[in-house]
Structure formats: C-alpha cells, structure tokens
Protein backbone atom coordinates (compact mmCIF):
# COMPACT_ATOMS: atom_id res chain seq x y z
CA MET A 1 -0.09 0.11 0.08
CA ASP A 2 2.95 2.25 0.04
CA MET A 3 2.59 4.80 -2.79
CA TRP A 4 6.04 5.47 -3.26
CA LYS A 5 7.75 2.04 -3.26
CA CYS A 6 10.83 2.95 -5.42
CA LEU A 7 13.36 1.27 -7.44
CA LYS A 8 16.66 1.66 -5.82
CA GLU A 9 19.18 2.30 -8.57
CA GLY A 10 19.34 5.28 -10.67
CA ARG A 11 16.49 8.01 -10.78
CA GLN A 12 13.89 6.54 -8.05
CA LEU A 13 10.61 5.61 -9.68
CA PRO A 14 7.58 4.17 -8.22
CA ILE A 15 6.41 0.44 -8.44
CA PRO A 16 2.73 0.28 -9.18
CA ASP A 17 0.73 -2.19 -6.72
CA GLU A 18 -3.09 -3.11 -6.46
CA ASP A 19 -3.88 -0.03 -4.58
CA THR A 20 -1.97 2.57 -6.91
CA LEU A 21 -2.31 0.63 -10.33
CA VAL A 22 -5.20 2.88 -11.55
CA PHE A 23 -3.59 5.89 -10.61
CA TRP A 24 -0.61 5.10 -12.19
CA GLU A 25 -2.38 4.11 -15.24
CA GLY A 26 -4.48 7.37 -15.48
CA CYS A 27 -1.03 9.08 -15.13
CA ARG A 28 0.21 7.26 -18.12
CA ARG A 29 -2.77 8.46 -20.06
CA ARG A 30 -1.97 11.89 -18.79
CA ARG A 31 -5.28 11.95 -16.57
CA LEU A 32 -5.01 12.60 -12.86
CA LEU A 33 -7.38 10.13 -11.04
CA ILE A 34 -8.31 10.50 -7.41
CA GLN A 35 -10.46 8.32 -5.22
CA GLN A 36 -13.97 9.46 -4.13
CA CYS A 37 -15.43 7.60 -1.26
CA ASP A 38 -18.80 6.30 -2.52
CA ASP A 39 -20.26 6.41 1.05
CA CYS A 40 -18.96 9.86 2.81
CA HIS A 41 -17.71 11.31 -0.48
CA ALA A 42 -14.52 12.39 0.91
CA PHE A 43 -11.61 12.54 -1.57
CA ARG A 44 -8.41 10.68 -0.65
CA PHE A 45 -4.88 10.53 -1.71
CA PRO A 46 -2.72 8.62 -1.78
CA PRO A 47 -4.97 5.70 -3.03
CA SER A 48 -5.84 3.39 -0.34
CA PRO A 49 -8.11 0.49 0.14
CA LEU A 50 -10.18 2.08 2.99
CA CYS A 51 -11.57 5.64 3.26
CA PRO A 52 -9.37 7.39 6.34
CA GLN A 53 -12.75 9.20 7.07
CA CYS A 54 -15.35 6.41 7.63
CA SER A 55 -13.36 3.34 6.89
CA SER A 56 -15.49 2.26 3.59
CA SER A 57 -14.03 0.04 1.11
CA MET A 58 -16.08 1.30 -1.86
CA ALA A 59 -14.67 4.13 -4.00
CA THR A 60 -14.90 5.56 -7.38
CA TRP A 61 -11.97 7.30 -9.46
CA ARG A 62 -12.68 10.64 -10.46
CA GLN A 63 -10.60 12.67 -12.83
CA ASP A 64 -9.21 16.00 -11.61
CA SER A 65 -8.09 18.95 -13.20
CA GLY A 66 -4.62 18.98 -11.50
CA ARG A 67 -4.93 22.86 -10.67
CA GLY A 68 -3.79 23.88 -7.19
CA GLU A 69 -1.92 26.09 -5.12
CA VAL A 70 1.41 25.49 -3.07
CA LEU A 71 1.09 24.96 0.32
CA THR A 72 4.51 24.26 1.46
CA PHE A 73 8.04 23.51 -0.57
CA CYS A 74 11.61 22.75 -0.23
CA VAL A 75 14.59 23.70 -2.52
CA TYR A 76 17.12 20.89 -2.77
CA HIS A 77 20.43 22.03 -3.57
CA SER A 78 22.25 18.42 -3.00
CA GLU A 79 21.70 15.22 -4.45
CA LEU A 80 20.01 13.86 -1.29
CA ALA A 81 17.83 11.40 -3.33
CA GLY A 82 21.06 9.92 -5.22
CA PRO A 83 23.44 11.00 -7.77
CA ALA A 84 20.80 10.51 -10.56
CA TRP A 85 19.39 13.91 -9.38
CA ARG A 86 22.70 15.63 -9.95
CA SER A 87 21.75 17.24 -13.29
CA LYS A 88 18.30 18.48 -11.76
CA LEU A 89 20.03 20.71 -8.91
CA PRO A 90 18.57 22.68 -7.65
CA TYR A 91 15.01 21.15 -7.91
CA VAL A 92 11.73 21.92 -5.94
CA VAL A 93 9.64 19.52 -3.96
CA THR A 94 6.05 20.90 -3.05
CA VAL A 95 2.75 19.95 -1.53
CA VAL A 96 0.02 21.03 -3.38
CA GLU A 97 -3.54 21.40 -2.47
CA LEU A 98 -5.64 20.62 -5.38
CA LEU A 99 -8.59 23.10 -5.94
CA GLN A 100 -11.12 20.39 -7.55
CA SER A 101 -10.69 17.56 -4.71
CA ARG A 102 -8.85 19.57 -2.04
CA VAL A 103 -6.55 16.46 -1.78
CA LYS A 104 -2.85 17.46 -0.71
CA MET A 105 -0.34 16.12 -3.46
CA LEU A 106 3.46 15.84 -3.06
CA GLY A 107 5.49 16.38 -6.19
CA ASN A 108 8.22 18.34 -8.24
CA LEU A 109 7.79 21.78 -9.02
CA MET A 110 8.99 22.44 -12.42
CA VAL A 111 10.80 26.20 -12.48
CA THR A 112 13.89 27.84 -13.77
CA ASP A 113 14.22 29.95 -10.86
CA PRO A 114 13.34 28.35 -7.46
CA ASP A 115 13.84 31.81 -5.71
CA LEU A 116 10.32 32.65 -7.30
CA VAL A 117 8.60 29.86 -5.54
CA ARG A 118 6.26 30.94 -2.69
CA ILE A 119 3.43 29.50 -0.70
CA GLY A 120 0.24 30.41 -2.48
CA LEU A 121 1.82 30.04 -6.17
CA GLU A 122 -0.88 28.85 -8.37
CA VAL A 123 0.25 25.53 -10.36
CA ARG A 124 -1.04 22.98 -12.83
CA LEU A 125 -0.26 19.58 -13.28
CA GLU A 126 1.82 18.04 -16.19
CA PHE A 127 3.21 14.75 -16.68
CA GLU A 128 6.47 13.43 -17.46
CA THR A 129 6.46 10.21 -19.41
CA ILE A 130 9.74 8.14 -18.15
CA ASP A 131 9.15 5.13 -19.95
CA ASN A 132 6.11 2.99 -21.36
CA ARG A 133 5.35 2.08 -17.84
CA ILE A 134 5.55 5.23 -15.57
CA THR A 135 4.52 8.48 -16.08
CA LEU A 136 5.22 11.13 -13.43
CA PRO A 137 2.81 13.95 -12.16
CA GLN A 138 4.74 17.21 -12.02
CA PHE A 139 3.69 20.87 -11.32
CA ARG A 140 4.50 23.75 -12.97
CA PRO A 141 3.38 27.42 -12.20
CA LEU A 142 0.00 28.49 -13.73
CA SER A 143 1.25 31.17 -15.58
CA ASP A 144 4.10 30.56 -17.91
CA CYS A 145 5.67 33.67 -16.13
CA GLU A 146 7.32 32.14 -13.18
CA GLY A 147 7.31 35.42 -11.65
CA SER A 148 3.72 36.13 -11.87
CA ARG A 149 2.01 37.17 -8.39
CA GLY A 150 -0.49 34.17 -8.29
CA LEU A 151 -2.92 34.00 -5.13
CA GLN A 152 -2.31 36.83 -2.65
CA SER A 153 -5.41 36.51 -0.84
CA ARG A 154 -7.84 33.73 -0.36
CA SER A 155 -10.14 33.20 2.32
CA LYS A 156 -9.43 30.17 4.24
CA ARG A 157 -12.15 27.11 3.28
C-alpha cells in the first residue's frame, strides 16, 4: 500500500501495486485520477483500500483538473535522493492542495528559478513520461511567467 515504493538504482521511480495501479495508469494516459469514497464522498490521496474518514472500502476514481496551489515547498541543492538527481539541481519538491478535490499531493515543481517559488503560487499538473510503464505527475506554475504574483489573498475554506 506504500504509494512510493521505489526502485533503488538510478532515478527512484514508483512501483505500482494493486492499490495504486489505477492512479499510475491514469498518469500514463495523462489523467489525474483521485479516489472518492462512495459512502461519505471524501476524496483521498494517496490511494488506499479504505476511506480514512469512514473506513468504507467502496470508492470511485474521479478525474481532477490538476490545478492547485503550493502549501509548502523545499528547494534541494544537493543530491540527497541519489546521484541521478545531480543534473536536476537545484530542484523543488512541493505539497500542492488541488482545488477541485482538495487533496494534498506531493510532487516536483518544475521551475527555472526556485527563488520565485512561494506559498500560494498557483500551479497546474503536467506529466513526464519516463518509459512505457511510468509517467510522473509534476507541477508547473499556472502562468508561463514564473514570476507572476499568483494567489495573494484567499479566504480559508
């Protein structure tokens, strides 16, 4: 059930399992699929066999637009995740709250200048095809201009 079981050599890549296979197949088809509980209607991520709200095992996969905003982020300047990441330094890992489903999703934020990243930055989901088996969800600032102001004020939900 671990969403991010990873291969240990080279760039760490997820290994889909029975709980996450639909999610990864959706990514391969460039669709972000999020589970929604059939009983309490809560969205859940990462995929799991039981709803964390009501413990129901019944869920339907729903497509999410992939738009969201940065809740927090970290800029990596060293290859903590292994030497395969050296060419990507510095890189940004972010937690994004998706606007449609309200789930929080961890992912890379694709930017050329990490100094422009801030909490509240509006982002959209894109996909990076690794091979015929794995396509990774990645985020990019919603505006093509990475220095755009994004969300400055927003009422709490």
